[in-house]
Amino acid sequence: MDTGIIKKENIKGVIESLMQMGKVVAPTRQDDMTVFSALPSSEALDLNYTNSKLSPKDYFFPQTEVLFCYEKENNQIHPPLIEDKPACLVGVRPCDAKAITLLDCIFNDPQYKDVYYLNKRKNTVVIGLACTNPQSTCFCTSTGGGPLDTTGMDMLWQDLGDRYLIKAVTPQGKELASKLFGIDKAPEKDLSYAKKQGEKVLSMIPPAFEAEKISEKLRSSFEDSVWETIHEKCLGCAACTFVCPTCHCFDIQDENSRDRGRRVKLWDSCMFPLFTLHTSGHNPRLSGKERMRQRIMHKFNYFKVNNGHVACVGCGRCIRECPVNMDIRQIVSAFS
């Protein structure tokens, strides 16, 4: 089945079906935030959200991940237990699903493959949730996306009020749809309504800039005088990079206790002064100017040159979470 209808009264049964197949990671409410976490029960699911503060990239690329443990005395290395069970990531917004495909460029590089990341990717089905209520900070249409974009998804759910229209995108999505409880054939009136809804939502997110043109302009703007002032409001807190669904900087640290320890991979940020500090004491990105330039150039030029896409999906998290109200749309538009 390529398309179908799930009545909201049957969602609990659908989720329970998924939970019988494997782990289900989905949006849940914790205090005043929506976060992606493993569902303890179908009742914990919360699909009535705009977008989560942190993207679901944390499932594939955790903030902290143990690579292995070791014992110095016996010269032994103990790899962590790697889950090799099926999982389902449910309720992922189109911007975040697309972001996962951009992370694939980094962690599935032909020369350098991250087995921890790839193991979770190959065992996980991604079910997206179409955006029907975009926020003022959303700009996915500026970066090649859209509220109904299916990039990175196996299946898309679109909220039609009292039911969801489901669309299977990949063979894995079609196979899963055939196994789920409570899916009915989609009538023509629902398909027509979904199309009109999608067009309406798309009109609510007019492009703020053209990513392709910005990328080309940045190619010759490394020494542009704009960089002298564009960074001045920035506090260097790195909130923008930690909420970003495509940022992938990380550090590797050894944590020792007497004769044993562990090696850990953890998120880092190019906005921190220590990120590029050499052992000699030299720092090639000494000021906020160099660090801001690196972030923008990497997202909209370097990544595009290396991988064919800009490393931004227009989710707007960096705008919403910036304590000094910096707006990446205004920053990149300065080069248009």
C-alpha atoms as a PDB file:
ATOM      1  CA  MET A   1       0.000   0.000   0.000  1.00  0.00           C
ATOM      2  CA  ASP A   2       1.462   3.355  -1.047  1.00  0.00           C
ATOM      3  CA  THR A   3      -1.164   5.539   0.639  1.00  0.00           C
ATOM      4  CA  GLY A   4      -3.706   4.932   3.362  1.00  0.00           C
ATOM      5  CA  ILE A   5      -5.616   6.432   6.260  1.00  0.00           C
ATOM      6  CA  ILE A   6      -5.096   5.896   9.994  1.00  0.00           C
ATOM      7  CA  LYS A   7      -7.876   7.217  12.194  1.00  0.00           C
ATOM      8  CA  LYS A   8      -6.485   8.924  15.283  1.00  0.00           C
ATOM      9  CA  GLU A   9      -8.571   6.616  17.443  1.00  0.00           C
ATOM     10  CA  ASN A  10      -6.427   3.778  16.070  1.00  0.00           C
ATOM     11  CA  ILE A  11      -3.028   5.416  16.631  1.00  0.00           C
ATOM     12  CA  LYS A  12      -2.550   3.634  19.944  1.00  0.00           C
ATOM     13  CA  GLY A  13      -2.927   0.290  18.174  1.00  0.00           C
ATOM     14  CA  VAL A  14      -0.518   1.324  15.429  1.00  0.00           C
ATOM     15  CA  ILE A  15       2.141   2.326  17.944  1.00  0.00           C
ATOM     16  CA  GLU A  16       1.659  -0.890  19.902  1.00  0.00           C
ATOM     17  CA  SER A  17       2.154  -2.812  16.658  1.00  0.00           C
ATOM     18  CA  LEU A  18       5.416  -0.974  16.099  1.00  0.00           C
ATOM     19  CA  MET A  19       6.533  -1.622  19.678  1.00  0.00           C
ATOM     20  CA  GLN A  20       6.044  -5.361  19.149  1.00  0.00           C
ATOM     21  CA  MET A  21       8.464  -5.171  16.206  1.00  0.00           C
ATOM     22  CA  GLY A  22      11.198  -3.289  18.082  1.00  0.00           C
ATOM     23  CA  LYS A  23      12.106  -0.105  19.906  1.00  0.00           C
ATOM     24  CA  VAL A  24      10.023   2.971  19.072  1.00  0.00           C
ATOM     25  CA  VAL A  25      11.620   6.396  19.493  1.00  0.00           C
ATOM     26  CA  ALA A  26       9.139   9.245  19.206  1.00  0.00           C
ATOM     27  CA  PRO A  27       8.271  12.731  20.506  1.00  0.00           C
ATOM     28  CA  THR A  28       7.196  12.774  24.154  1.00  0.00           C
ATOM     29  CA  ARG A  29       6.572  15.543  26.670  1.00  0.00           C
ATOM     30  CA  GLN A  30       9.139  16.051  29.417  1.00  0.00           C
ATOM     31  CA  ASP A  31       8.357  19.008  31.673  1.00  0.00           C
ATOM     32  CA  ASP A  32       7.700  21.864  29.215  1.00  0.00           C
ATOM     33  CA  MET A  33       9.646  20.401  26.290  1.00  0.00           C
ATOM     34  CA  THR A  34       9.058  17.920  23.507  1.00  0.00           C
ATOM     35  CA  VAL A  35      11.913  15.437  23.242  1.00  0.00           C
ATOM     36  CA  PHE A  36      12.551  12.280  21.254  1.00  0.00           C
ATOM     37  CA  SER A  37      12.912   9.259  23.500  1.00  0.00           C
ATOM     38  CA  ALA A  38      12.115   5.537  23.575  1.00  0.00           C
ATOM     39  CA  LEU A  39       8.398   5.089  24.246  1.00  0.00           C
ATOM     40  CA  PRO A  40       7.623   3.218  27.478  1.00  0.00           C
ATOM     41  CA  SER A  41       4.019   2.857  26.252  1.00  0.00           C
ATOM     42  CA  SER A  42       1.804   4.071  23.423  1.00  0.00           C
ATOM     43  CA  GLU A  43       0.226   6.674  25.728  1.00  0.00           C
ATOM     44  CA  ALA A  44       3.532   8.568  25.948  1.00  0.00           C
ATOM     45  CA  LEU A  45       3.424   9.509  22.260  1.00  0.00           C
ATOM     46  CA  ASP A  46       2.889  13.235  21.553  1.00  0.00           C
ATOM     47  CA  LEU A  47       2.344  14.111  17.901  1.00  0.00           C
ATOM     48  CA  ASN A  48       0.700  17.456  18.709  1.00  0.00           C
ATOM     49  CA  TYR A  49       3.910  19.450  18.662  1.00  0.00           C
ATOM     50  CA  THR A  50       5.460  22.056  16.376  1.00  0.00           C
ATOM     51  CA  ASN A  51       9.051  20.904  16.682  1.00  0.00           C
ATOM     52  CA  SER A  52      11.298  19.590  19.416  1.00  0.00           C
ATOM     53  CA  LYS A  53      14.008  21.717  21.007  1.00  0.00           C
ATOM     54  CA  LEU A  54      16.612  19.101  20.088  1.00  0.00           C
ATOM     55  CA  SER A  55      16.361  17.156  16.868  1.00  0.00           C
ATOM     56  CA  PRO A  56      16.169  13.346  16.751  1.00  0.00           C
ATOM     57  CA  LYS A  57      19.760  13.241  15.444  1.00  0.00           C
ATOM     58  CA  ASP A  58      20.661  12.391  19.046  1.00  0.00           C
ATOM     59  CA  TYR A  59      19.352   8.875  18.431  1.00  0.00           C
ATOM     60  CA  PHE A  60      21.937   8.204  15.708  1.00  0.00           C
ATOM     61  CA  PHE A  61      24.630  10.592  16.957  1.00  0.00           C
ATOM     62  CA  PRO A  62      24.307  10.797  20.775  1.00  0.00           C
ATOM     63  CA  GLN A  63      25.598  13.734  22.786  1.00  0.00           C
ATOM     64  CA  THR A  64      27.824  11.260  24.637  1.00  0.00           C
ATOM     65  CA  GLU A  65      28.741   7.819  23.336  1.00  0.00           C
ATOM     66  CA  VAL A  66      31.148   5.258  24.805  1.00  0.00           C
ATOM     67  CA  LEU A  67      33.340   3.839  22.033  1.00  0.00           C
ATOM     68  CA  PHE A  68      35.046   1.239  24.204  1.00  0.00           C
ATOM     69  CA  CYS A  69      36.327   0.528  27.720  1.00  0.00           C
ATOM     70  CA  TYR A  70      39.864  -0.575  28.517  1.00  0.00           C
ATOM     71  CA  GLU A  71      42.033  -2.055  31.271  1.00  0.00           C
ATOM     72  CA  LYS A  72      45.664  -0.970  31.265  1.00  0.00           C
ATOM     73  CA  GLU A  73      46.941  -3.754  33.513  1.00  0.00           C
ATOM     74  CA  ASN A  74      45.690  -6.551  31.242  1.00  0.00           C
ATOM     75  CA  ASN A  75      45.922  -4.585  27.985  1.00  0.00           C
ATOM     76  CA  GLN A  76      42.297  -5.433  27.304  1.00  0.00           C
ATOM     77  CA  ILE A  77      39.747  -3.497  25.271  1.00  0.00           C
ATOM     78  CA  HIS A  78      36.035  -4.102  25.813  1.00  0.00           C
ATOM     79  CA  PRO A  79      33.792  -2.840  23.014  1.00  0.00           C
ATOM     80  CA  PRO A  80      30.359  -1.594  24.057  1.00  0.00           C
ATOM     81  CA  LEU A  81      27.262  -3.658  23.502  1.00  0.00           C
ATOM     82  CA  ILE A  82      25.904  -2.521  20.143  1.00  0.00           C
ATOM     83  CA  GLU A  83      22.172  -2.853  19.681  1.00  0.00           C
ATOM     84  CA  ASP A  84      21.372  -4.872  16.581  1.00  0.00           C
ATOM     85  CA  LYS A  85      17.604  -4.831  16.910  1.00  0.00           C
ATOM     86  CA  PRO A  86      15.027  -3.130  14.677  1.00  0.00           C
ATOM     87  CA  ALA A  87      13.834   0.304  15.701  1.00  0.00           C
ATOM     88  CA  CYS A  88      11.391   2.876  14.441  1.00  0.00           C
ATOM     89  CA  LEU A  89      11.816   6.644  14.635  1.00  0.00           C
ATOM     90  CA  VAL A  90       8.305   8.142  14.597  1.00  0.00           C
ATOM     91  CA  GLY A  91       7.027  11.694  14.150  1.00  0.00           C
ATOM     92  CA  VAL A  92      10.111  13.211  12.533  1.00  0.00           C
ATOM     93  CA  ARG A  93       9.552  16.578  10.869  1.00  0.00           C
ATOM     94  CA  PRO A  94      10.679  16.880   7.214  1.00  0.00           C
ATOM     95  CA  CYS A  95      13.549  19.228   8.086  1.00  0.00           C
ATOM     96  CA  ASP A  96      14.914  16.751  10.648  1.00  0.00           C
ATOM     97  CA  ALA A  97      14.524  13.742   8.342  1.00  0.00           C
ATOM     98  CA  LYS A  98      16.468  15.567   5.646  1.00  0.00           C
ATOM     99  CA  ALA A  99      19.124  16.474   8.215  1.00  0.00           C
ATOM    100  CA  ILE A 100      19.745  12.782   8.879  1.00  0.00           C
ATOM    101  CA  THR A 101      20.659  12.267   5.218  1.00  0.00           C
ATOM    102  CA  LEU A 102      23.209  15.080   5.552  1.00  0.00           C
ATOM    103  CA  LEU A 103      24.731  13.378   8.585  1.00  0.00           C
ATOM    104  CA  ASP A 104      25.053  10.268   6.411  1.00  0.00           C
ATOM    105  CA  CYS A 105      27.550  12.210   4.267  1.00  0.00           C
ATOM    106  CA  ILE A 106      29.812  12.511   7.311  1.00  0.00           C
ATOM    107  CA  PHE A 107      29.397   9.213   9.125  1.00  0.00           C
ATOM    108  CA  ASN A 108      29.084   7.066   5.993  1.00  0.00           C
ATOM    109  CA  ASP A 109      32.009   8.571   4.147  1.00  0.00           C
ATOM    110  CA  PRO A 110      33.631   6.017   1.782  1.00  0.00           C
ATOM    111  CA  GLN A 111      36.936   6.353   3.639  1.00  0.00           C
ATOM    112  CA  TYR A 112      35.747   6.895   7.207  1.00  0.00           C
ATOM    113  CA  LYS A 113      32.692   4.959   8.349  1.00  0.00           C
ATOM    114  CA  ASP A 114      31.256   5.295  11.848  1.00  0.00           C
ATOM    115  CA  VAL A 115      30.057   1.776  12.677  1.00  0.00           C
ATOM    116  CA  TYR A 116      28.147   2.965  15.742  1.00  0.00           C
ATOM    117  CA  TYR A 117      26.114   5.415  13.658  1.00  0.00           C
ATOM    118  CA  LEU A 118      25.664   3.102  10.676  1.00  0.00           C
ATOM    119  CA  ASN A 119      24.452   0.175  12.759  1.00  0.00           C
ATOM    120  CA  LYS A 120      21.569   2.261  14.089  1.00  0.00           C
ATOM    121  CA  ARG A 121      20.826   3.699  10.646  1.00  0.00           C
ATOM    122  CA  LYS A 122      20.498   0.336   8.929  1.00  0.00           C
ATOM    123  CA  ASN A 123      18.187  -1.023  11.639  1.00  0.00           C
ATOM    124  CA  THR A 124      15.893   2.011  11.886  1.00  0.00           C
ATOM    125  CA  VAL A 125      12.788   2.878   9.891  1.00  0.00           C
ATOM    126  CA  VAL A 126      11.983   6.604   9.807  1.00  0.00           C
ATOM    127  CA  ILE A 127       8.344   7.699   9.892  1.00  0.00           C
ATOM    128  CA  GLY A 128       7.958  11.396   9.172  1.00  0.00           C
ATOM    129  CA  LEU A 129       5.254  13.819  10.267  1.00  0.00           C
ATOM    130  CA  ALA A 130       4.318  16.512   7.737  1.00  0.00           C
ATOM    131  CA  CYS A 131       4.493  20.099   8.917  1.00  0.00           C
ATOM    132  CA  THR A 132       0.998  21.642   8.981  1.00  0.00           C
ATOM    133  CA  ASN A 133       1.678  24.514  11.389  1.00  0.00           C
ATOM    134  CA  PRO A 134       5.024  26.133  10.529  1.00  0.00           C
ATOM    135  CA  GLN A 135       6.611  28.617  12.915  1.00  0.00           C
ATOM    136  CA  SER A 136       7.744  32.115  12.019  1.00  0.00           C
ATOM    137  CA  THR A 137      11.353  30.937  12.310  1.00  0.00           C
ATOM    138  CA  CYS A 138      10.963  28.113   9.761  1.00  0.00           C
ATOM    139  CA  PHE A 139      12.742  28.569   6.418  1.00  0.00           C
ATOM    140  CA  CYS A 140      12.991  25.061   4.967  1.00  0.00           C
ATOM    141  CA  THR A 141      11.928  26.313   1.540  1.00  0.00           C
ATOM    142  CA  SER A 142      15.111  28.408   1.405  1.00  0.00           C
ATOM    143  CA  THR A 143      17.314  25.321   1.696  1.00  0.00           C
ATOM    144  CA  GLY A 144      15.618  22.974  -0.750  1.00  0.00           C
ATOM    145  CA  GLY A 145      13.091  21.435   1.625  1.00  0.00           C
ATOM    146  CA  GLY A 146       9.404  21.798   2.319  1.00  0.00           C
ATOM    147  CA  PRO A 147       6.646  20.973   4.822  1.00  0.00           C
ATOM    148  CA  LEU A 148       5.808  17.718   2.985  1.00  0.00           C
ATOM    149  CA  ASP A 149       9.317  16.814   1.847  1.00  0.00           C
ATOM    150  CA  THR A 150       9.912  13.060   2.173  1.00  0.00           C
ATOM    151  CA  THR A 151      13.723  13.123   1.932  1.00  0.00           C
ATOM    152  CA  GLY A 152      15.176  10.722   4.496  1.00  0.00           C
ATOM    153  CA  MET A 153      11.840   9.092   5.322  1.00  0.00           C
ATOM    154  CA  ASP A 154      10.482   5.612   4.788  1.00  0.00           C
ATOM    155  CA  MET A 155       6.941   6.792   5.434  1.00  0.00           C
ATOM    156  CA  LEU A 156       5.168  10.151   5.827  1.00  0.00           C
ATOM    157  CA  TRP A 157       2.143  10.854   8.016  1.00  0.00           C
ATOM    158  CA  GLN A 158       0.066  13.972   7.323  1.00  0.00           C
ATOM    159  CA  ASP A 159      -2.395  15.240   9.932  1.00  0.00           C
ATOM    160  CA  LEU A 160      -5.854  15.751   8.367  1.00  0.00           C
ATOM    161  CA  GLY A 161      -7.661  16.529  11.618  1.00  0.00           C
ATOM    162  CA  ASP A 162      -9.196  13.307  12.947  1.00  0.00           C
ATOM    163  CA  ARG A 163      -6.975  11.036  10.869  1.00  0.00           C
ATOM    164  CA  TYR A 164      -3.561  10.747   9.267  1.00  0.00           C
ATOM    165  CA  LEU A 165      -2.885  10.237   5.593  1.00  0.00           C
ATOM    166  CA  ILE A 166       0.080   7.906   5.309  1.00  0.00           C
ATOM    167  CA  LYS A 167       2.377   7.685   2.324  1.00  0.00           C
ATOM    168  CA  ALA A 168       4.929   4.897   1.966  1.00  0.00           C
ATOM    169  CA  VAL A 169       8.113   6.316   0.432  1.00  0.00           C
ATOM    170  CA  THR A 170      10.565   3.400   0.346  1.00  0.00           C
ATOM    171  CA  PRO A 171      10.242  -0.384   0.025  1.00  0.00           C
ATOM    172  CA  GLN A 172      10.835  -0.597   3.786  1.00  0.00           C
ATOM    173  CA  GLY A 173       7.976   1.841   4.299  1.00  0.00           C
ATOM    174  CA  LYS A 174       5.651  -0.184   2.081  1.00  0.00           C
ATOM    175  CA  GLU A 175       6.527  -3.382   3.886  1.00  0.00           C
ATOM    176  CA  LEU A 176       5.897  -1.763   7.255  1.00  0.00           C
ATOM    177  CA  ALA A 177       2.562  -0.297   6.114  1.00  0.00           C
ATOM    178  CA  SER A 178       1.403  -3.784   5.144  1.00  0.00           C
ATOM    179  CA  LYS A 179       1.993  -4.985   8.699  1.00  0.00           C
ATOM    180  CA  LEU A 180       0.428  -2.125  10.661  1.00  0.00           C
ATOM    181  CA  PHE A 181      -2.895  -2.336  12.441  1.00  0.00           C
ATOM    182  CA  GLY A 182      -5.836  -0.135  11.418  1.00  0.00           C
ATOM    183  CA  ILE A 183      -4.801   1.239   8.023  1.00  0.00           C
ATOM    184  CA  ASP A 184      -7.683   1.873   5.605  1.00  0.00           C
ATOM    185  CA  LYS A 185      -7.619   2.763   1.932  1.00  0.00           C
ATOM    186  CA  ALA A 186      -7.323   6.521   1.375  1.00  0.00           C
ATOM    187  CA  PRO A 187     -10.467   7.943  -0.299  1.00  0.00           C
ATOM    188  CA  GLU A 188     -10.074  10.486  -3.083  1.00  0.00           C
ATOM    189  CA  LYS A 189     -11.514  13.296  -0.935  1.00  0.00           C
ATOM    190  CA  ASP A 190      -8.725  12.818   1.620  1.00  0.00           C
ATOM    191  CA  LEU A 191      -6.051  12.835  -1.073  1.00  0.00           C
ATOM    192  CA  SER A 192      -7.513  16.054  -2.489  1.00  0.00           C
ATOM    193  CA  TYR A 193      -7.723  17.676   0.958  1.00  0.00           C
ATOM    194  CA  ALA A 194      -4.139  16.676   1.778  1.00  0.00           C
ATOM    195  CA  LYS A 195      -2.899  18.232  -1.462  1.00  0.00           C
ATOM    196  CA  LYS A 196      -4.686  21.529  -0.776  1.00  0.00           C
ATOM    197  CA  GLN A 197      -3.426  21.537   2.815  1.00  0.00           C
ATOM    198  CA  GLY A 198       0.143  21.011   1.610  1.00  0.00           C
ATOM    199  CA  GLU A 199      -0.124  23.884  -0.870  1.00  0.00           C
ATOM    200  CA  LYS A 200      -1.510  26.173   1.839  1.00  0.00           C
ATOM    201  CA  VAL A 201       1.273  25.335   4.298  1.00  0.00           C
ATOM    202  CA  LEU A 202       3.920  25.761   1.585  1.00  0.00           C
ATOM    203  CA  SER A 203       2.615  29.275   0.879  1.00  0.00           C
ATOM    204  CA  MET A 204       3.173  30.113   4.555  1.00  0.00           C
ATOM    205  CA  ILE A 205       6.948  29.610   4.233  1.00  0.00           C
ATOM    206  CA  PRO A 206       8.123  31.932   1.456  1.00  0.00           C
ATOM    207  CA  PRO A 207      11.858  31.560   0.689  1.00  0.00           C
ATOM    208  CA  ALA A 208      14.024  34.013   2.625  1.00  0.00           C
ATOM    209  CA  PHE A 209      17.013  33.491   0.313  1.00  0.00           C
ATOM    210  CA  GLU A 210      18.288  31.138  -2.385  1.00  0.00           C
ATOM    211  CA  ALA A 211      20.773  28.696  -0.897  1.00  0.00           C
ATOM    212  CA  GLU A 212      22.414  27.953  -4.254  1.00  0.00           C
ATOM    213  CA  LYS A 213      23.153  31.624  -4.921  1.00  0.00           C
ATOM    214  CA  ILE A 214      24.370  32.171  -1.355  1.00  0.00           C
ATOM    215  CA  SER A 215      26.748  29.227  -1.706  1.00  0.00           C
ATOM    216  CA  GLU A 216      28.272  30.644  -4.870  1.00  0.00           C
ATOM    217  CA  LYS A 217      28.524  34.139  -3.379  1.00  0.00           C
ATOM    218  CA  LEU A 218      30.303  32.855  -0.271  1.00  0.00           C
ATOM    219  CA  ARG A 219      32.940  31.212  -2.441  1.00  0.00           C
ATOM    220  CA  SER A 220      34.534  34.614  -3.023  1.00  0.00           C
ATOM    221  CA  SER A 221      33.580  36.233   0.297  1.00  0.00           C
ATOM    222  CA  PHE A 222      36.159  34.824   2.695  1.00  0.00           C
ATOM    223  CA  GLU A 223      37.816  38.234   3.122  1.00  0.00           C
ATOM    224  CA  ASP A 224      34.609  40.251   2.876  1.00  0.00           C
ATOM    225  CA  SER A 225      34.389  43.152   5.313  1.00  0.00           C
ATOM    226  CA  VAL A 226      30.947  41.932   6.409  1.00  0.00           C
ATOM    227  CA  TRP A 227      32.652  39.386   8.693  1.00  0.00           C
ATOM    228  CA  GLU A 228      34.131  42.255  10.731  1.00  0.00           C
ATOM    229  CA  THR A 229      30.725  43.239  12.123  1.00  0.00           C
ATOM    230  CA  ILE A 230      28.407  40.279  11.597  1.00  0.00           C
ATOM    231  CA  HIS A 231      29.745  38.420  14.639  1.00  0.00           C
ATOM    232  CA  GLU A 232      29.650  41.254  17.172  1.00  0.00           C
ATOM    233  CA  LYS A 233      26.406  40.243  18.909  1.00  0.00           C
ATOM    234  CA  CYS A 234      27.472  36.601  19.260  1.00  0.00           C
ATOM    235  CA  LEU A 235      28.238  35.431  22.809  1.00  0.00           C
ATOM    236  CA  GLY A 236      29.994  32.264  21.683  1.00  0.00           C
ATOM    237  CA  CYS A 237      27.609  30.146  23.761  1.00  0.00           C
ATOM    238  CA  ALA A 238      27.247  27.593  20.921  1.00  0.00           C
ATOM    239  CA  ALA A 239      23.523  27.116  21.568  1.00  0.00           C
ATOM    240  CA  CYS A 240      22.987  27.378  17.816  1.00  0.00           C
ATOM    241  CA  THR A 241      25.232  24.415  17.075  1.00  0.00           C
ATOM    242  CA  PHE A 242      23.918  22.214  19.871  1.00  0.00           C
ATOM    243  CA  VAL A 243      20.295  22.524  18.727  1.00  0.00           C
ATOM    244  CA  CYS A 244      21.216  22.221  15.034  1.00  0.00           C
ATOM    245  CA  PRO A 245      20.138  18.917  13.423  1.00  0.00           C
ATOM    246  CA  THR A 246      23.094  18.917  10.999  1.00  0.00           C
ATOM    247  CA  CYS A 247      26.006  20.064  13.180  1.00  0.00           C
ATOM    248  CA  HIS A 248      28.321  17.123  13.733  1.00  0.00           C
ATOM    249  CA  CYS A 249      31.486  18.409  15.423  1.00  0.00           C
ATOM    250  CA  PHE A 250      32.674  16.044  18.127  1.00  0.00           C
ATOM    251  CA  ASP A 251      35.595  15.466  20.475  1.00  0.00           C
ATOM    252  CA  ILE A 252      37.194  12.220  21.649  1.00  0.00           C
ATOM    253  CA  GLN A 253      38.266  11.975  25.284  1.00  0.00           C
ATOM    254  CA  ASP A 254      39.706   9.247  27.500  1.00  0.00           C
ATOM    255  CA  GLU A 255      38.269   9.068  31.004  1.00  0.00           C
ATOM    256  CA  ASN A 256      40.665   7.235  33.340  1.00  0.00           C
ATOM    257  CA  SER A 257      40.304   5.862  36.827  1.00  0.00           C
ATOM    258  CA  ARG A 258      43.477   4.141  38.060  1.00  0.00           C
ATOM    259  CA  ASP A 259      44.163   1.219  35.709  1.00  0.00           C
ATOM    260  CA  ARG A 260      40.962   1.335  33.723  1.00  0.00           C
ATOM    261  CA  GLY A 261      38.953   3.794  31.694  1.00  0.00           C
ATOM    262  CA  ARG A 262      36.852   4.416  28.644  1.00  0.00           C
ATOM    263  CA  ARG A 263      37.039   6.346  25.386  1.00  0.00           C
ATOM    264  CA  VAL A 264      34.101   8.664  24.779  1.00  0.00           C
ATOM    265  CA  LYS A 265      32.828  10.584  21.773  1.00  0.00           C
ATOM    266  CA  LEU A 266      30.895  13.724  22.674  1.00  0.00           C
ATOM    267  CA  TRP A 267      29.435  16.731  20.902  1.00  0.00           C
ATOM    268  CA  ASP A 268      31.678  19.738  20.413  1.00  0.00           C
ATOM    269  CA  SER A 269      31.269  23.053  18.619  1.00  0.00           C
ATOM    270  CA  CYS A 270      33.269  25.163  16.190  1.00  0.00           C
ATOM    271  CA  MET A 271      31.954  28.205  18.069  1.00  0.00           C
ATOM    272  CA  PHE A 272      34.101  27.414  21.118  1.00  0.00           C
ATOM    273  CA  PRO A 273      37.579  29.030  21.325  1.00  0.00           C
ATOM    274  CA  LEU A 274      39.138  25.740  22.481  1.00  0.00           C
ATOM    275  CA  PHE A 275      37.844  23.839  19.459  1.00  0.00           C
ATOM    276  CA  THR A 276      40.825  24.843  17.317  1.00  0.00           C
ATOM    277  CA  LEU A 277      43.392  25.524  20.034  1.00  0.00           C
ATOM    278  CA  HIS A 278      46.685  23.799  19.167  1.00  0.00           C
ATOM    279  CA  THR A 279      48.941  22.180  21.748  1.00  0.00           C
ATOM    280  CA  SER A 280      51.495  24.887  20.902  1.00  0.00           C
ATOM    281  CA  GLY A 281      49.052  27.538  22.087  1.00  0.00           C
ATOM    282  CA  HIS A 282      48.334  28.812  18.583  1.00  0.00           C
ATOM    283  CA  ASN A 283      44.685  29.228  17.641  1.00  0.00           C
ATOM    284  CA  PRO A 284      43.869  29.800  13.931  1.00  0.00           C
ATOM    285  CA  ARG A 285      40.359  30.991  14.861  1.00  0.00           C
ATOM    286  CA  LEU A 286      41.272  33.371  17.622  1.00  0.00           C
ATOM    287  CA  SER A 287      38.209  35.637  17.607  1.00  0.00           C
ATOM    288  CA  GLY A 288      34.478  35.411  17.121  1.00  0.00           C
ATOM    289  CA  LYS A 289      34.906  36.688  13.593  1.00  0.00           C
ATOM    290  CA  GLU A 290      36.824  33.602  12.468  1.00  0.00           C
ATOM    291  CA  ARG A 291      34.494  31.236  14.306  1.00  0.00           C
ATOM    292  CA  MET A 292      31.325  32.799  12.901  1.00  0.00           C
ATOM    293  CA  ARG A 293      32.820  32.764   9.423  1.00  0.00           C
ATOM    294  CA  GLN A 294      33.693  29.092   9.763  1.00  0.00           C
ATOM    295  CA  ARG A 295      30.166  28.163  10.816  1.00  0.00           C
ATOM    296  CA  ILE A 296      28.472  30.015   7.967  1.00  0.00           C
ATOM    297  CA  MET A 297      31.038  29.075   5.319  1.00  0.00           C
ATOM    298  CA  HIS A 298      30.885  25.425   6.295  1.00  0.00           C
ATOM    299  CA  LYS A 299      27.099  25.231   6.253  1.00  0.00           C
ATOM    300  CA  PHE A 300      26.528  27.108   3.031  1.00  0.00           C
ATOM    301  CA  ASN A 301      29.708  26.625   1.006  1.00  0.00           C
ATOM    302  CA  TYR A 302      32.237  24.005   2.170  1.00  0.00           C
ATOM    303  CA  PHE A 303      29.640  21.283   2.798  1.00  0.00           C
ATOM    304  CA  LYS A 304      27.932  22.086  -0.500  1.00  0.00           C
ATOM    305  CA  VAL A 305      31.223  21.775  -2.389  1.00  0.00           C
ATOM    306  CA  ASN A 306      32.095  18.470  -0.708  1.00  0.00           C
ATOM    307  CA  ASN A 307      28.682  16.808  -0.583  1.00  0.00           C
ATOM    308  CA  GLY A 308      26.387  18.583  -3.033  1.00  0.00           C
ATOM    309  CA  HIS A 309      24.020  20.065  -0.429  1.00  0.00           C
ATOM    310  CA  VAL A 310      24.077  22.993   1.981  1.00  0.00           C
ATOM    311  CA  ALA A 311      24.318  21.797   5.589  1.00  0.00           C
ATOM    312  CA  CYS A 312      21.201  23.633   6.729  1.00  0.00           C
ATOM    313  CA  VAL A 313      17.594  22.430   6.582  1.00  0.00           C
ATOM    314  CA  GLY A 314      15.862  25.616   7.735  1.00  0.00           C
ATOM    315  CA  CYS A 315      14.425  24.227  10.975  1.00  0.00           C
ATOM    316  CA  GLY A 316      14.903  27.608  12.689  1.00  0.00           C
ATOM    317  CA  ARG A 317      16.128  26.208  16.002  1.00  0.00           C
ATOM    318  CA  CYS A 318      19.239  28.387  16.012  1.00  0.00           C
ATOM    319  CA  ILE A 319      17.019  31.458  15.630  1.00  0.00           C
ATOM    320  CA  ARG A 320      14.616  30.439  18.388  1.00  0.00           C
ATOM    321  CA  GLU A 321      17.315  29.504  20.897  1.00  0.00           C
ATOM    322  CA  CYS A 322      19.824  32.326  20.355  1.00  0.00           C
ATOM    323  CA  PRO A 323      19.970  34.421  23.562  1.00  0.00           C
ATOM    324  CA  VAL A 324      20.830  37.593  21.612  1.00  0.00           C
ATOM    325  CA  ASN A 325      18.330  37.047  18.774  1.00  0.00           C
ATOM    326  CA  MET A 326      20.790  36.451  15.962  1.00  0.00           C
ATOM    327  CA  ASP A 327      19.003  35.303  12.815  1.00  0.00           C
ATOM    328  CA  ILE A 328      20.889  33.098  10.367  1.00  0.00           C
ATOM    329  CA  ARG A 329      18.514  34.197   7.599  1.00  0.00           C
ATOM    330  CA  GLN A 330      19.721  37.767   7.974  1.00  0.00           C
ATOM    331  CA  ILE A 331      23.356  36.686   8.167  1.00  0.00           C
ATOM    332  CA  VAL A 332      23.373  34.711   4.930  1.00  0.00           C
ATOM    333  CA  SER A 333      21.166  37.273   3.181  1.00  0.00           C
ATOM    334  CA  ALA A 334      23.938  39.805   3.734  1.00  0.00           C
ATOM    335  CA  PHE A 335      25.830  37.950   0.994  1.00  0.00           C
ATOM    336  CA  SER A 336      22.970  37.801  -1.515  1.00  0.00           C
END
